[in-house]
Amino acid sequence: METDGKEINDILRRHGLKRNIDVIQLYLGKKGIVYVPDLSQFPMLRYLWLNDNKIKKISCQTINCCLTELHLHNNEITSISGALSHLTCLQVLLLHNNQLRRLDESVTELRRMQCLHTTSFFLNPLTHDPQYRPYIIHHLPSVQILDRREVKQKERDTAFRLFNPERHRVSQSLAFGRRAEPVNTQQEVSCDALVPIFHQCYTTEPCSVPRGAEQPVTRDVLSQSEIQQTRELFCADHSSSGGLLSRWCVGIWGQHCFQT
């Protein structure tokens, strides 16, 4: 059966709607229709039911982009590619019990729907993919209800770790105060080679201080034991900070300070 404009007008007349602009919701479920009718005459349409029909291929280009709910479940739809991406205001999209097979293709079509919080794909062939649920959770982060089940934070964490391992590793490193990338030891400068530089910084003229502040004490010579302590302090700073002299350092006895 094909639903034409006359039948839609009959439906509106039965509900006492005389102007197209007054149509906010439209129920066309269980009509036996095989394609999505032209609905461009309803600029204020927000809720649309097309469920329980015989639709195999959909084209919703005539539906205004302000639609917030679309019910397409219990049809025979094989693909939604190129059909829904312009419906960026959708909040609810039900597609369960169809014949959708391409998980990546279907999710890509919905990526622009930043307000989408409820969707369903169960009873579609694409749900046989073992990574189906985490894939959707990761690539459609606005979704809160998937297949009638609430999306838990634990599921989001698992999906993030599964589909973005690099960023997950970096976030874990930052969380525990570790460096994100291991340093290539062949390119590192040894602490022994940097001790003279540290020594030179330690014995040069002190940095400027505000007038009236106590001037730091500096000396021209370090003993061997002080050099050893300086080396240990420098190496500790190098390994813990993740960068050479990346913060204010204090001399062995706090007598001299400098900044790089």
C-alpha atoms as a PDB file:
ATOM      1  CA  MET A   1       0.000   0.000   0.000  1.00  0.00           C
ATOM      2  CA  GLU A   2       1.221   3.498  -0.787  1.00  0.00           C
ATOM      3  CA  THR A   3       0.233   6.374   1.471  1.00  0.00           C
ATOM      4  CA  ASP A   4      -0.432   9.429  -0.682  1.00  0.00           C
ATOM      5  CA  GLY A   5      -1.270  13.002   0.191  1.00  0.00           C
ATOM      6  CA  LYS A   6      -5.009  12.333   0.099  1.00  0.00           C
ATOM      7  CA  GLU A   7      -4.797   9.674   2.778  1.00  0.00           C
ATOM      8  CA  ILE A   8      -2.644  11.911   4.967  1.00  0.00           C
ATOM      9  CA  ASN A   9      -5.166  14.719   4.545  1.00  0.00           C
ATOM     10  CA  ASP A  10      -7.938  12.344   5.566  1.00  0.00           C
ATOM     11  CA  ILE A  11      -5.982  11.516   8.721  1.00  0.00           C
ATOM     12  CA  LEU A  12      -5.561  15.196   9.539  1.00  0.00           C
ATOM     13  CA  ARG A  13      -9.223  15.908   8.877  1.00  0.00           C
ATOM     14  CA  ARG A  14     -10.293  13.178  11.272  1.00  0.00           C
ATOM     15  CA  HIS A  15      -8.192  14.851  13.978  1.00  0.00           C
ATOM     16  CA  GLY A  16      -9.565  18.293  13.256  1.00  0.00           C
ATOM     17  CA  LEU A  17      -6.325  19.718  11.832  1.00  0.00           C
ATOM     18  CA  LYS A  18      -6.940  22.174   9.003  1.00  0.00           C
ATOM     19  CA  ARG A  19      -3.531  23.804   8.622  1.00  0.00           C
ATOM     20  CA  ASN A  20      -0.285  21.995   7.857  1.00  0.00           C
ATOM     21  CA  ILE A  21       1.573  24.264  10.238  1.00  0.00           C
ATOM     22  CA  ASP A  22      -0.493  22.849  13.104  1.00  0.00           C
ATOM     23  CA  VAL A  23       0.817  19.330  12.539  1.00  0.00           C
ATOM     24  CA  ILE A  24       3.392  18.561  15.216  1.00  0.00           C
ATOM     25  CA  GLN A  25       3.048  14.783  15.317  1.00  0.00           C
ATOM     26  CA  LEU A  26       1.960  12.300  12.695  1.00  0.00           C
ATOM     27  CA  TYR A  27       1.202   8.613  13.135  1.00  0.00           C
ATOM     28  CA  LEU A  28       1.619   6.520   9.982  1.00  0.00           C
ATOM     29  CA  GLY A  29       2.348   3.216  11.662  1.00  0.00           C
ATOM     30  CA  LYS A  30       0.738  -0.054  10.609  1.00  0.00           C
ATOM     31  CA  LYS A  31      -0.409   1.357   7.266  1.00  0.00           C
ATOM     32  CA  GLY A  32       1.345  -1.206   5.084  1.00  0.00           C
ATOM     33  CA  ILE A  33       3.333   1.553   3.359  1.00  0.00           C
ATOM     34  CA  VAL A  34       6.517   0.675   1.451  1.00  0.00           C
ATOM     35  CA  TYR A  35       8.266   4.046   1.334  1.00  0.00           C
ATOM     36  CA  VAL A  36       8.443   7.291   3.303  1.00  0.00           C
ATOM     37  CA  PRO A  37       5.861   9.735   1.892  1.00  0.00           C
ATOM     38  CA  ASP A  38       6.559  13.383   1.081  1.00  0.00           C
ATOM     39  CA  LEU A  39       6.092  15.297   4.328  1.00  0.00           C
ATOM     40  CA  SER A  40       7.607  18.614   3.293  1.00  0.00           C
ATOM     41  CA  GLN A  41       4.275  20.378   3.826  1.00  0.00           C
ATOM     42  CA  PHE A  42       4.618  19.982   7.599  1.00  0.00           C
ATOM     43  CA  PRO A  43       7.297  22.477   8.701  1.00  0.00           C
ATOM     44  CA  MET A  44       6.502  22.062  12.395  1.00  0.00           C
ATOM     45  CA  LEU A  45       6.535  18.269  12.448  1.00  0.00           C
ATOM     46  CA  ARG A  46       8.411  16.995  15.521  1.00  0.00           C
ATOM     47  CA  TYR A  47       7.203  13.411  16.108  1.00  0.00           C
ATOM     48  CA  LEU A  48       6.802  10.843  13.339  1.00  0.00           C
ATOM     49  CA  TRP A  49       5.747   7.197  13.530  1.00  0.00           C
ATOM     50  CA  LEU A  50       6.512   5.005  10.504  1.00  0.00           C
ATOM     51  CA  ASN A  51       6.838   1.749  12.409  1.00  0.00           C
ATOM     52  CA  ASP A  52       5.282  -1.619  11.586  1.00  0.00           C
ATOM     53  CA  ASN A  53       5.214  -1.113   7.837  1.00  0.00           C
ATOM     54  CA  LYS A  54       6.986  -2.699   4.869  1.00  0.00           C
ATOM     55  CA  ILE A  55       9.577  -0.023   4.196  1.00  0.00           C
ATOM     56  CA  LYS A  56      12.801  -1.427   2.705  1.00  0.00           C
ATOM     57  CA  LYS A  57      14.570   1.719   1.534  1.00  0.00           C
ATOM     58  CA  ILE A  58      14.138   5.058   3.212  1.00  0.00           C
ATOM     59  CA  SER A  59      14.642   8.621   2.079  1.00  0.00           C
ATOM     60  CA  CYS A  60      13.730  11.249   4.655  1.00  0.00           C
ATOM     61  CA  GLN A  61      14.961  14.276   2.737  1.00  0.00           C
ATOM     62  CA  THR A  62      11.445  15.736   2.652  1.00  0.00           C
ATOM     63  CA  ILE A  63      11.221  15.667   6.456  1.00  0.00           C
ATOM     64  CA  ASN A  64      12.191  18.925   8.119  1.00  0.00           C
ATOM     65  CA  CYS A  65      15.442  18.937  10.046  1.00  0.00           C
ATOM     66  CA  CYS A  66      13.723  19.926  13.316  1.00  0.00           C
ATOM     67  CA  LEU A  67      12.206  16.466  13.789  1.00  0.00           C
ATOM     68  CA  THR A  68      12.985  15.192  17.305  1.00  0.00           C
ATOM     69  CA  GLU A  69      11.496  11.672  17.306  1.00  0.00           C
ATOM     70  CA  LEU A  70      11.464   9.130  14.490  1.00  0.00           C
ATOM     71  CA  HIS A  71      10.058   5.626  14.862  1.00  0.00           C
ATOM     72  CA  LEU A  72      11.181   3.272  12.092  1.00  0.00           C
ATOM     73  CA  HIS A  73      11.171  -0.032  13.951  1.00  0.00           C
ATOM     74  CA  ASN A  74       9.537  -3.215  12.668  1.00  0.00           C
ATOM     75  CA  ASN A  75      10.177  -2.578   8.981  1.00  0.00           C
ATOM     76  CA  GLU A  76      12.466  -4.189   6.386  1.00  0.00           C
ATOM     77  CA  ILE A  77      15.046  -1.398   6.083  1.00  0.00           C
ATOM     78  CA  THR A  78      18.406  -2.613   4.759  1.00  0.00           C
ATOM     79  CA  SER A  79      20.361   0.652   4.903  1.00  0.00           C
ATOM     80  CA  ILE A  80      20.035   4.168   6.302  1.00  0.00           C
ATOM     81  CA  SER A  81      23.058   5.585   4.469  1.00  0.00           C
ATOM     82  CA  GLY A  82      22.335   9.062   3.071  1.00  0.00           C
ATOM     83  CA  ALA A  83      18.827   9.133   4.536  1.00  0.00           C
ATOM     84  CA  LEU A  84      18.998  10.554   8.062  1.00  0.00           C
ATOM     85  CA  SER A  85      22.131  12.646   8.512  1.00  0.00           C
ATOM     86  CA  HIS A  86      20.295  15.961   7.988  1.00  0.00           C
ATOM     87  CA  LEU A  87      18.005  15.254  10.958  1.00  0.00           C
ATOM     88  CA  THR A  88      20.452  16.802  13.395  1.00  0.00           C
ATOM     89  CA  CYS A  89      17.807  17.567  16.053  1.00  0.00           C
ATOM     90  CA  LEU A  90      16.760  13.957  16.541  1.00  0.00           C
ATOM     91  CA  GLN A  91      16.619  12.900  20.167  1.00  0.00           C
ATOM     92  CA  VAL A  92      14.878   9.544  19.750  1.00  0.00           C
ATOM     93  CA  LEU A  93      15.504   7.167  16.839  1.00  0.00           C
ATOM     94  CA  LEU A  94      14.161   3.622  16.925  1.00  0.00           C
ATOM     95  CA  LEU A  95      15.421   1.230  14.258  1.00  0.00           C
ATOM     96  CA  HIS A  96      15.092  -2.173  15.893  1.00  0.00           C
ATOM     97  CA  ASN A  97      13.794  -5.212  14.025  1.00  0.00           C
ATOM     98  CA  ASN A  98      14.974  -4.234  10.560  1.00  0.00           C
ATOM     99  CA  GLN A  99      17.599  -5.669   8.210  1.00  0.00           C
ATOM    100  CA  LEU A 100      20.521  -3.317   8.870  1.00  0.00           C
ATOM    101  CA  ARG A 101      23.834  -5.107   8.321  1.00  0.00           C
ATOM    102  CA  ARG A 102      26.575  -2.458   8.209  1.00  0.00           C
ATOM    103  CA  LEU A 103      27.428  -1.243  11.709  1.00  0.00           C
ATOM    104  CA  ASP A 104      29.988   1.374  10.641  1.00  0.00           C
ATOM    105  CA  GLU A 105      27.757   2.694   7.865  1.00  0.00           C
ATOM    106  CA  SER A 106      24.747   3.021  10.162  1.00  0.00           C
ATOM    107  CA  VAL A 107      26.683   4.765  12.940  1.00  0.00           C
ATOM    108  CA  THR A 108      28.331   7.172  10.488  1.00  0.00           C
ATOM    109  CA  GLU A 109      24.896   8.294   9.350  1.00  0.00           C
ATOM    110  CA  LEU A 110      24.041   9.307  12.923  1.00  0.00           C
ATOM    111  CA  ARG A 111      27.276  11.070  13.878  1.00  0.00           C
ATOM    112  CA  ARG A 112      25.878  14.583  13.379  1.00  0.00           C
ATOM    113  CA  MET A 113      22.984  13.975  15.785  1.00  0.00           C
ATOM    114  CA  GLN A 114      24.490  15.612  18.852  1.00  0.00           C
ATOM    115  CA  CYS A 115      21.161  15.540  20.745  1.00  0.00           C
ATOM    116  CA  LEU A 116      20.414  11.855  20.188  1.00  0.00           C
ATOM    117  CA  HIS A 117      19.891  10.258  23.591  1.00  0.00           C
ATOM    118  CA  THR A 118      17.752   7.195  22.822  1.00  0.00           C
ATOM    119  CA  THR A 119      18.221   4.717  19.991  1.00  0.00           C
ATOM    120  CA  SER A 120      17.735   1.038  19.277  1.00  0.00           C
ATOM    121  CA  PHE A 121      19.195  -1.482  16.833  1.00  0.00           C
ATOM    122  CA  PHE A 122      18.385  -4.828  18.391  1.00  0.00           C
ATOM    123  CA  LEU A 123      17.012  -7.550  16.104  1.00  0.00           C
ATOM    124  CA  ASN A 124      19.169  -6.272  13.242  1.00  0.00           C
ATOM    125  CA  PRO A 125      21.973  -8.391  11.710  1.00  0.00           C
ATOM    126  CA  LEU A 126      24.549  -5.739  12.650  1.00  0.00           C
ATOM    127  CA  THR A 127      24.067  -6.557  16.342  1.00  0.00           C
ATOM    128  CA  HIS A 128      25.868  -9.868  15.764  1.00  0.00           C
ATOM    129  CA  ASP A 129      29.123  -7.938  15.746  1.00  0.00           C
ATOM    130  CA  PRO A 130      30.805  -8.761  19.095  1.00  0.00           C
ATOM    131  CA  GLN A 131      31.810  -5.101  19.496  1.00  0.00           C
ATOM    132  CA  TYR A 132      28.403  -3.737  18.529  1.00  0.00           C
ATOM    133  CA  ARG A 133      27.394  -2.096  21.798  1.00  0.00           C
ATOM    134  CA  PRO A 134      30.757  -0.522  22.761  1.00  0.00           C
ATOM    135  CA  TYR A 135      31.172   0.680  19.165  1.00  0.00           C
ATOM    136  CA  ILE A 136      27.926   2.638  19.295  1.00  0.00           C
ATOM    137  CA  ILE A 137      28.609   3.921  22.815  1.00  0.00           C
ATOM    138  CA  HIS A 138      31.996   5.275  21.761  1.00  0.00           C
ATOM    139  CA  HIS A 139      31.016   6.806  18.417  1.00  0.00           C
ATOM    140  CA  LEU A 140      27.656   8.186  19.590  1.00  0.00           C
ATOM    141  CA  PRO A 141      28.597   9.615  23.007  1.00  0.00           C
ATOM    142  CA  SER A 142      25.308  11.497  23.458  1.00  0.00           C
ATOM    143  CA  VAL A 143      23.320   8.241  23.599  1.00  0.00           C
ATOM    144  CA  GLN A 144      22.063   7.471  27.095  1.00  0.00           C
ATOM    145  CA  ILE A 145      19.609   4.668  26.318  1.00  0.00           C
ATOM    146  CA  LEU A 146      20.675   1.978  23.847  1.00  0.00           C
ATOM    147  CA  ASP A 147      18.383  -0.939  23.071  1.00  0.00           C
ATOM    148  CA  ARG A 148      16.209  -0.068  26.080  1.00  0.00           C
ATOM    149  CA  ARG A 149      19.186  -0.260  28.434  1.00  0.00           C
ATOM    150  CA  GLU A 150      20.877   2.653  30.133  1.00  0.00           C
ATOM    151  CA  VAL A 151      24.475   3.255  29.117  1.00  0.00           C
ATOM    152  CA  LYS A 152      26.672   2.936  32.212  1.00  0.00           C
ATOM    153  CA  GLN A 153      29.872   4.879  32.836  1.00  0.00           C
ATOM    154  CA  LYS A 154      31.748   1.588  33.054  1.00  0.00           C
ATOM    155  CA  GLU A 155      30.621   0.800  29.510  1.00  0.00           C
ATOM    156  CA  ARG A 156      31.851   4.199  28.319  1.00  0.00           C
ATOM    157  CA  ASP A 157      35.240   3.579  29.920  1.00  0.00           C
ATOM    158  CA  THR A 158      35.484   0.159  28.299  1.00  0.00           C
ATOM    159  CA  ALA A 159      34.519   1.555  24.886  1.00  0.00           C
ATOM    160  CA  PHE A 160      37.049   4.384  25.236  1.00  0.00           C
ATOM    161  CA  ARG A 161      39.823   1.923  26.087  1.00  0.00           C
ATOM    162  CA  LEU A 162      38.813  -0.362  23.226  1.00  0.00           C
ATOM    163  CA  PHE A 163      38.472   2.173  20.409  1.00  0.00           C
ATOM    164  CA  ASN A 164      40.919   4.865  21.512  1.00  0.00           C
ATOM    165  CA  PRO A 165      43.793   3.016  23.219  1.00  0.00           C
ATOM    166  CA  GLU A 166      46.352   5.788  22.665  1.00  0.00           C
ATOM    167  CA  ARG A 167      44.305   8.491  24.353  1.00  0.00           C
ATOM    168  CA  HIS A 168      43.361   6.063  27.104  1.00  0.00           C
ATOM    169  CA  ARG A 169      47.025   5.328  27.767  1.00  0.00           C
ATOM    170  CA  VAL A 170      47.838   9.033  27.892  1.00  0.00           C
ATOM    171  CA  SER A 171      44.970   9.758  30.268  1.00  0.00           C
ATOM    172  CA  GLN A 172      46.057   6.917  32.523  1.00  0.00           C
ATOM    173  CA  SER A 173      49.624   8.209  32.508  1.00  0.00           C
ATOM    174  CA  LEU A 174      48.483  11.696  33.459  1.00  0.00           C
ATOM    175  CA  ALA A 175      46.188  10.353  36.144  1.00  0.00           C
ATOM    176  CA  PHE A 176      49.046   8.513  37.849  1.00  0.00           C
ATOM    177  CA  GLY A 177      51.658  11.193  37.272  1.00  0.00           C
ATOM    178  CA  ARG A 178      53.655   9.228  34.722  1.00  0.00           C
ATOM    179  CA  ARG A 179      55.030  10.373  31.431  1.00  0.00           C
ATOM    180  CA  ALA A 180      52.856   9.546  28.443  1.00  0.00           C
ATOM    181  CA  GLU A 181      55.709   8.548  26.152  1.00  0.00           C
ATOM    182  CA  PRO A 182      58.770   6.576  27.240  1.00  0.00           C
ATOM    183  CA  VAL A 183      62.004   8.444  26.608  1.00  0.00           C
ATOM    184  CA  ASN A 184      64.407   7.078  24.040  1.00  0.00           C
ATOM    185  CA  THR A 185      67.514   6.481  26.144  1.00  0.00           C
ATOM    186  CA  GLN A 186      69.771   6.732  23.116  1.00  0.00           C
ATOM    187  CA  GLN A 187      68.739  10.369  22.706  1.00  0.00           C
ATOM    188  CA  GLU A 188      68.961  11.284  26.387  1.00  0.00           C
ATOM    189  CA  VAL A 189      71.795  13.388  27.704  1.00  0.00           C
ATOM    190  CA  SER A 190      73.440  11.705  30.655  1.00  0.00           C
ATOM    191  CA  CYS A 191      73.277  13.343  34.062  1.00  0.00           C
ATOM    192  CA  ASP A 192      77.091  13.254  34.256  1.00  0.00           C
ATOM    193  CA  ALA A 193      77.330  15.421  31.144  1.00  0.00           C
ATOM    194  CA  LEU A 194      74.884  17.932  32.586  1.00  0.00           C
ATOM    195  CA  VAL A 195      76.504  18.325  36.000  1.00  0.00           C
ATOM    196  CA  PRO A 196      78.974  20.970  34.718  1.00  0.00           C
ATOM    197  CA  ILE A 197      76.049  22.960  33.334  1.00  0.00           C
ATOM    198  CA  PHE A 198      74.239  22.668  36.638  1.00  0.00           C
ATOM    199  CA  HIS A 199      77.485  23.603  38.392  1.00  0.00           C
ATOM    200  CA  GLN A 200      77.845  26.675  36.195  1.00  0.00           C
ATOM    201  CA  CYS A 201      74.275  27.757  36.884  1.00  0.00           C
ATOM    202  CA  TYR A 202      74.887  27.215  40.573  1.00  0.00           C
ATOM    203  CA  THR A 203      77.937  29.469  40.684  1.00  0.00           C
ATOM    204  CA  THR A 204      76.884  32.279  38.367  1.00  0.00           C
ATOM    205  CA  GLU A 205      75.495  35.593  39.502  1.00  0.00           C
ATOM    206  CA  PRO A 206      72.144  35.197  41.230  1.00  0.00           C
ATOM    207  CA  CYS A 207      68.907  36.121  39.487  1.00  0.00           C
ATOM    208  CA  SER A 208      67.489  39.543  40.122  1.00  0.00           C
ATOM    209  CA  VAL A 209      65.387  39.956  43.254  1.00  0.00           C
ATOM    210  CA  PRO A 210      63.114  42.765  44.417  1.00  0.00           C
ATOM    211  CA  ARG A 211      64.782  45.728  46.070  1.00  0.00           C
ATOM    212  CA  GLY A 212      65.156  45.189  49.791  1.00  0.00           C
ATOM    213  CA  ALA A 213      64.966  41.402  49.561  1.00  0.00           C
ATOM    214  CA  GLU A 214      67.786  39.357  50.989  1.00  0.00           C
ATOM    215  CA  GLN A 215      70.397  38.539  48.368  1.00  0.00           C
ATOM    216  CA  PRO A 216      71.126  34.817  47.951  1.00  0.00           C
ATOM    217  CA  VAL A 217      74.586  33.618  48.785  1.00  0.00           C
ATOM    218  CA  THR A 218      76.720  32.193  45.973  1.00  0.00           C
ATOM    219  CA  ARG A 219      80.145  30.631  45.857  1.00  0.00           C
ATOM    220  CA  ASP A 220      82.652  30.060  43.107  1.00  0.00           C
ATOM    221  CA  VAL A 221      83.731  26.519  43.958  1.00  0.00           C
ATOM    222  CA  LEU A 222      81.915  23.304  44.837  1.00  0.00           C
ATOM    223  CA  SER A 223      83.592  20.476  46.678  1.00  0.00           C
ATOM    224  CA  GLN A 224      83.556  16.936  45.280  1.00  0.00           C
ATOM    225  CA  SER A 225      80.921  15.868  47.796  1.00  0.00           C
ATOM    226  CA  GLU A 226      78.755  18.849  46.839  1.00  0.00           C
ATOM    227  CA  ILE A 227      79.124  18.026  43.155  1.00  0.00           C
ATOM    228  CA  GLN A 228      77.989  14.461  43.907  1.00  0.00           C
ATOM    229  CA  GLN A 229      74.991  15.770  45.845  1.00  0.00           C
ATOM    230  CA  THR A 230      74.304  18.199  43.005  1.00  0.00           C
ATOM    231  CA  ARG A 231      74.395  15.339  40.510  1.00  0.00           C
ATOM    232  CA  GLU A 232      71.932  13.291  42.589  1.00  0.00           C
ATOM    233  CA  LEU A 233      69.620  16.263  42.962  1.00  0.00           C
ATOM    234  CA  PHE A 234      69.795  17.029  39.245  1.00  0.00           C
ATOM    235  CA  CYS A 235      69.164  13.425  38.196  1.00  0.00           C
ATOM    236  CA  ALA A 236      66.224  13.217  40.585  1.00  0.00           C
ATOM    237  CA  ASP A 237      64.779  16.396  39.079  1.00  0.00           C
ATOM    238  CA  HIS A 238      65.364  15.061  35.567  1.00  0.00           C
ATOM    239  CA  SER A 239      63.629  11.735  36.179  1.00  0.00           C
ATOM    240  CA  SER A 240      60.689  12.996  38.186  1.00  0.00           C
ATOM    241  CA  SER A 241      59.739  16.141  36.304  1.00  0.00           C
ATOM    242  CA  GLY A 242      59.877  14.733  32.790  1.00  0.00           C
ATOM    243  CA  GLY A 243      61.977  17.689  31.588  1.00  0.00           C
ATOM    244  CA  LEU A 244      65.351  19.223  32.364  1.00  0.00           C
ATOM    245  CA  LEU A 245      65.174  22.071  34.874  1.00  0.00           C
ATOM    246  CA  SER A 246      61.481  22.438  34.159  1.00  0.00           C
ATOM    247  CA  ARG A 247      60.708  24.175  37.421  1.00  0.00           C
ATOM    248  CA  TRP A 248      62.367  26.281  40.096  1.00  0.00           C
ATOM    249  CA  CYS A 249      65.210  24.334  41.648  1.00  0.00           C
ATOM    250  CA  VAL A 250      66.795  24.922  45.021  1.00  0.00           C
ATOM    251  CA  GLY A 251      70.510  24.460  45.655  1.00  0.00           C
ATOM    252  CA  ILE A 252      71.874  21.898  48.054  1.00  0.00           C
ATOM    253  CA  TRP A 253      71.452  24.176  51.057  1.00  0.00           C
ATOM    254  CA  GLY A 254      68.893  26.561  49.541  1.00  0.00           C
ATOM    255  CA  GLN A 255      71.609  29.189  49.052  1.00  0.00           C
ATOM    256  CA  HIS A 256      71.063  29.815  45.361  1.00  0.00           C
ATOM    257  CA  CYS A 257      68.077  29.677  43.032  1.00  0.00           C
ATOM    258  CA  PHE A 258      67.646  29.979  39.300  1.00  0.00           C
ATOM    259  CA  GLN A 259      65.073  29.459  36.604  1.00  0.00           C
ATOM    260  CA  THR A 260      65.375  28.217  33.036  1.00  0.00           C
END
